[in-house]
Amino acid sequence: MSETTLYERLGGRDGIRAVVDDFYDRLVADERLGPFFEGANMERLRRTQTDFLCEAAGGPETYDAEPVREAHLHVPFEPADIERAVALLRESLDTFDVPDDDAEAVVEAVAAYEEELLAEPSE
């Protein structure tokens, strides 16, 4: 029996999209993070985040949107904002009963971009 990929264990694109939708619902509703999404094209954000996580999980999709750093230069994130977003991501993964090891792999894929998310235009 062959070992399944993280992508397969997460339910493929549909499973990952469900987690992403839940995650973005939490982000938008969050008192601290919600204001960052005012006026944003939420469908595009959901689609590109889904592609990103699908690729990171070993799926056939590719993330071909703007590089993470450039896409977030206009967003004045603080380290506490990233911590809060990660906590919300963990809640979303928990809602879908994603096993701890798989959830940690997803969080690590996102957390690897913390420096890019916190970059400022002058850097």
C-alpha atoms as a PDB file:
ATOM      1  CA  MET A   1       0.000   0.000   0.000  1.00  0.00           C
ATOM      2  CA  SER A   2       1.449   3.371  -0.988  1.00  0.00           C
ATOM      3  CA  GLU A   3       1.700   6.236   1.443  1.00  0.00           C
ATOM      4  CA  THR A   4      -0.714   9.107   0.833  1.00  0.00           C
ATOM      5  CA  THR A   5       0.476  12.666   0.376  1.00  0.00           C
ATOM      6  CA  LEU A   6      -0.466  15.534   2.653  1.00  0.00           C
ATOM      7  CA  TYR A   7      -2.547  16.846  -0.246  1.00  0.00           C
ATOM      8  CA  GLU A   8      -4.536  13.603  -0.357  1.00  0.00           C
ATOM      9  CA  ARG A   9      -4.921  13.448   3.434  1.00  0.00           C
ATOM     10  CA  LEU A  10      -6.302  16.989   3.441  1.00  0.00           C
ATOM     11  CA  GLY A  11      -8.947  15.961   0.905  1.00  0.00           C
ATOM     12  CA  GLY A  12      -7.337  17.314  -2.247  1.00  0.00           C
ATOM     13  CA  ARG A  13      -8.277  20.716  -3.614  1.00  0.00           C
ATOM     14  CA  ASP A  14     -11.840  20.545  -2.271  1.00  0.00           C
ATOM     15  CA  GLY A  15     -10.712  19.695   1.256  1.00  0.00           C
ATOM     16  CA  ILE A  16      -8.037  22.378   1.240  1.00  0.00           C
ATOM     17  CA  ARG A  17     -10.482  24.949  -0.144  1.00  0.00           C
ATOM     18  CA  ALA A  18     -12.924  24.129   2.683  1.00  0.00           C
ATOM     19  CA  VAL A  19     -10.200  24.815   5.266  1.00  0.00           C
ATOM     20  CA  VAL A  20      -9.184  28.014   3.449  1.00  0.00           C
ATOM     21  CA  ASP A  21     -12.795  29.238   3.332  1.00  0.00           C
ATOM     22  CA  ASP A  22     -13.198  28.597   7.064  1.00  0.00           C
ATOM     23  CA  PHE A  23      -9.848  30.296   7.749  1.00  0.00           C
ATOM     24  CA  TYR A  24     -10.734  33.412   5.759  1.00  0.00           C
ATOM     25  CA  ASP A  25     -14.156  33.578   7.423  1.00  0.00           C
ATOM     26  CA  ARG A  26     -12.308  33.637  10.745  1.00  0.00           C
ATOM     27  CA  LEU A  27      -9.797  36.252   9.540  1.00  0.00           C
ATOM     28  CA  VAL A  28     -12.497  38.599   8.271  1.00  0.00           C
ATOM     29  CA  ALA A  29     -14.559  38.213  11.467  1.00  0.00           C
ATOM     30  CA  ASP A  30     -11.559  38.736  13.738  1.00  0.00           C
ATOM     31  CA  GLU A  31     -11.519  42.089  15.529  1.00  0.00           C
ATOM     32  CA  ARG A  32      -7.750  42.509  15.097  1.00  0.00           C
ATOM     33  CA  LEU A  33      -7.288  41.081  11.583  1.00  0.00           C
ATOM     34  CA  GLY A  34     -10.616  41.815   9.914  1.00  0.00           C
ATOM     35  CA  PRO A  35      -9.743  45.431   9.058  1.00  0.00           C
ATOM     36  CA  PHE A  36      -6.810  44.240   6.908  1.00  0.00           C
ATOM     37  CA  PHE A  37      -9.330  42.663   4.525  1.00  0.00           C
ATOM     38  CA  GLU A  38     -11.646  45.633   4.017  1.00  0.00           C
ATOM     39  CA  GLY A  39     -12.008  46.191   0.292  1.00  0.00           C
ATOM     40  CA  ALA A  40     -10.003  43.072  -0.583  1.00  0.00           C
ATOM     41  CA  ASN A  41     -11.003  40.717  -3.382  1.00  0.00           C
ATOM     42  CA  MET A  42     -11.812  37.838  -1.071  1.00  0.00           C
ATOM     43  CA  GLU A  43     -12.502  35.306  -3.822  1.00  0.00           C
ATOM     44  CA  ARG A  44      -9.068  35.964  -5.314  1.00  0.00           C
ATOM     45  CA  LEU A  45      -7.432  35.681  -1.887  1.00  0.00           C
ATOM     46  CA  ARG A  46      -9.225  32.415  -1.182  1.00  0.00           C
ATOM     47  CA  ARG A  47      -8.264  31.023  -4.590  1.00  0.00           C
ATOM     48  CA  THR A  48      -4.592  31.977  -4.349  1.00  0.00           C
ATOM     49  CA  GLN A  49      -4.307  30.713  -0.748  1.00  0.00           C
ATOM     50  CA  THR A  50      -5.889  27.441  -1.865  1.00  0.00           C
ATOM     51  CA  ASP A  51      -3.373  27.149  -4.709  1.00  0.00           C
ATOM     52  CA  PHE A  52      -0.523  27.949  -2.320  1.00  0.00           C
ATOM     53  CA  LEU A  53      -1.558  25.284   0.190  1.00  0.00           C
ATOM     54  CA  CYS A  54      -2.294  22.738  -2.525  1.00  0.00           C
ATOM     55  CA  GLU A  55       1.208  23.173  -3.924  1.00  0.00           C
ATOM     56  CA  ALA A  56       2.791  23.140  -0.451  1.00  0.00           C
ATOM     57  CA  ALA A  57       0.917  19.909   0.336  1.00  0.00           C
ATOM     58  CA  GLY A  58       2.217  18.154  -2.773  1.00  0.00           C
ATOM     59  CA  GLY A  59      -0.791  18.635  -5.024  1.00  0.00           C
ATOM     60  CA  PRO A  60      -0.763  19.292  -8.748  1.00  0.00           C
ATOM     61  CA  GLU A  61      -1.784  22.952  -8.401  1.00  0.00           C
ATOM     62  CA  THR A  62       0.806  25.700  -8.587  1.00  0.00           C
ATOM     63  CA  TYR A  63       0.841  29.028  -6.795  1.00  0.00           C
ATOM     64  CA  ASP A  64       1.352  31.517  -9.603  1.00  0.00           C
ATOM     65  CA  ALA A  65       0.157  34.707  -7.949  1.00  0.00           C
ATOM     66  CA  GLU A  66       2.328  37.660  -7.022  1.00  0.00           C
ATOM     67  CA  PRO A  67       5.231  36.715  -4.729  1.00  0.00           C
ATOM     68  CA  VAL A  68       4.219  36.740  -1.059  1.00  0.00           C
ATOM     69  CA  ARG A  69       6.463  39.668  -0.125  1.00  0.00           C
ATOM     70  CA  GLU A  70       5.235  41.926  -2.921  1.00  0.00           C
ATOM     71  CA  ALA A  71       1.601  40.956  -2.378  1.00  0.00           C
ATOM     72  CA  HIS A  72       1.757  42.049   1.266  1.00  0.00           C
ATOM     73  CA  LEU A  73       3.971  45.159   1.197  1.00  0.00           C
ATOM     74  CA  HIS A  74       0.919  47.412   1.546  1.00  0.00           C
ATOM     75  CA  VAL A  75      -0.294  45.521   4.647  1.00  0.00           C
ATOM     76  CA  PRO A  76       1.178  46.794   7.936  1.00  0.00           C
ATOM     77  CA  PHE A  77       1.316  43.413   9.684  1.00  0.00           C
ATOM     78  CA  GLU A  78       2.953  43.170  13.100  1.00  0.00           C
ATOM     79  CA  PRO A  79       4.349  39.903  14.526  1.00  0.00           C
ATOM     80  CA  ALA A  80       1.274  39.640  16.774  1.00  0.00           C
ATOM     81  CA  ASP A  81      -0.932  39.713  13.666  1.00  0.00           C
ATOM     82  CA  ILE A  82       0.910  36.745  12.217  1.00  0.00           C
ATOM     83  CA  GLU A  83       0.608  34.887  15.522  1.00  0.00           C
ATOM     84  CA  ARG A  84      -3.131  35.552  15.572  1.00  0.00           C
ATOM     85  CA  ALA A  85      -3.538  34.395  11.964  1.00  0.00           C
ATOM     86  CA  VAL A  86      -1.650  31.189  12.737  1.00  0.00           C
ATOM     87  CA  ALA A  87      -3.923  30.578  15.738  1.00  0.00           C
ATOM     88  CA  LEU A  88      -6.963  31.019  13.494  1.00  0.00           C
ATOM     89  CA  LEU A  89      -5.475  28.663  10.917  1.00  0.00           C
ATOM     90  CA  ARG A  90      -4.986  26.066  13.649  1.00  0.00           C
ATOM     91  CA  GLU A  91      -8.645  26.506  14.653  1.00  0.00           C
ATOM     92  CA  SER A  92      -9.749  25.953  11.060  1.00  0.00           C
ATOM     93  CA  LEU A  93      -7.615  22.836  10.735  1.00  0.00           C
ATOM     94  CA  ASP A  94      -9.027  21.562  14.025  1.00  0.00           C
ATOM     95  CA  THR A  95     -12.585  22.184  12.814  1.00  0.00           C
ATOM     96  CA  PHE A  96     -11.897  19.788   9.944  1.00  0.00           C
ATOM     97  CA  ASP A  97     -10.275  17.220  12.253  1.00  0.00           C
ATOM     98  CA  VAL A  98      -6.914  17.491  10.517  1.00  0.00           C
ATOM     99  CA  PRO A  99      -4.475  15.291  12.477  1.00  0.00           C
ATOM    100  CA  ASP A 100      -1.873  17.193  14.506  1.00  0.00           C
ATOM    101  CA  ASP A 101       1.106  16.201  12.332  1.00  0.00           C
ATOM    102  CA  ASP A 102      -0.667  17.266   9.147  1.00  0.00           C
ATOM    103  CA  ALA A 103      -1.924  20.486  10.735  1.00  0.00           C
ATOM    104  CA  GLU A 104       1.614  21.292  11.835  1.00  0.00           C
ATOM    105  CA  ALA A 105       2.870  20.742   8.275  1.00  0.00           C
ATOM    106  CA  VAL A 106       0.276  23.210   6.957  1.00  0.00           C
ATOM    107  CA  VAL A 107       1.125  25.786   9.627  1.00  0.00           C
ATOM    108  CA  GLU A 108       4.844  25.409   8.913  1.00  0.00           C
ATOM    109  CA  ALA A 109       4.238  25.966   5.187  1.00  0.00           C
ATOM    110  CA  VAL A 110       2.521  29.269   5.981  1.00  0.00           C
ATOM    111  CA  ALA A 111       4.840  30.293   8.834  1.00  0.00           C
ATOM    112  CA  ALA A 112       7.846  29.904   6.539  1.00  0.00           C
ATOM    113  CA  TYR A 113       6.746  33.178   4.934  1.00  0.00           C
ATOM    114  CA  GLU A 114       6.598  35.264   8.116  1.00  0.00           C
ATOM    115  CA  GLU A 115       9.575  37.408   7.105  1.00  0.00           C
ATOM    116  CA  GLU A 116       7.979  38.167   3.731  1.00  0.00           C
ATOM    117  CA  LEU A 117       4.644  38.972   5.384  1.00  0.00           C
ATOM    118  CA  LEU A 118       6.331  41.426   7.745  1.00  0.00           C
ATOM    119  CA  ALA A 119       8.517  43.094   5.091  1.00  0.00           C
ATOM    120  CA  GLU A 120       8.274  46.821   4.585  1.00  0.00           C
ATOM    121  CA  PRO A 121       8.673  48.623   1.240  1.00  0.00           C
ATOM    122  CA  SER A 122      11.992  50.132   2.307  1.00  0.00           C
ATOM    123  CA  GLU A 123      13.577  46.707   2.847  1.00  0.00           C
END
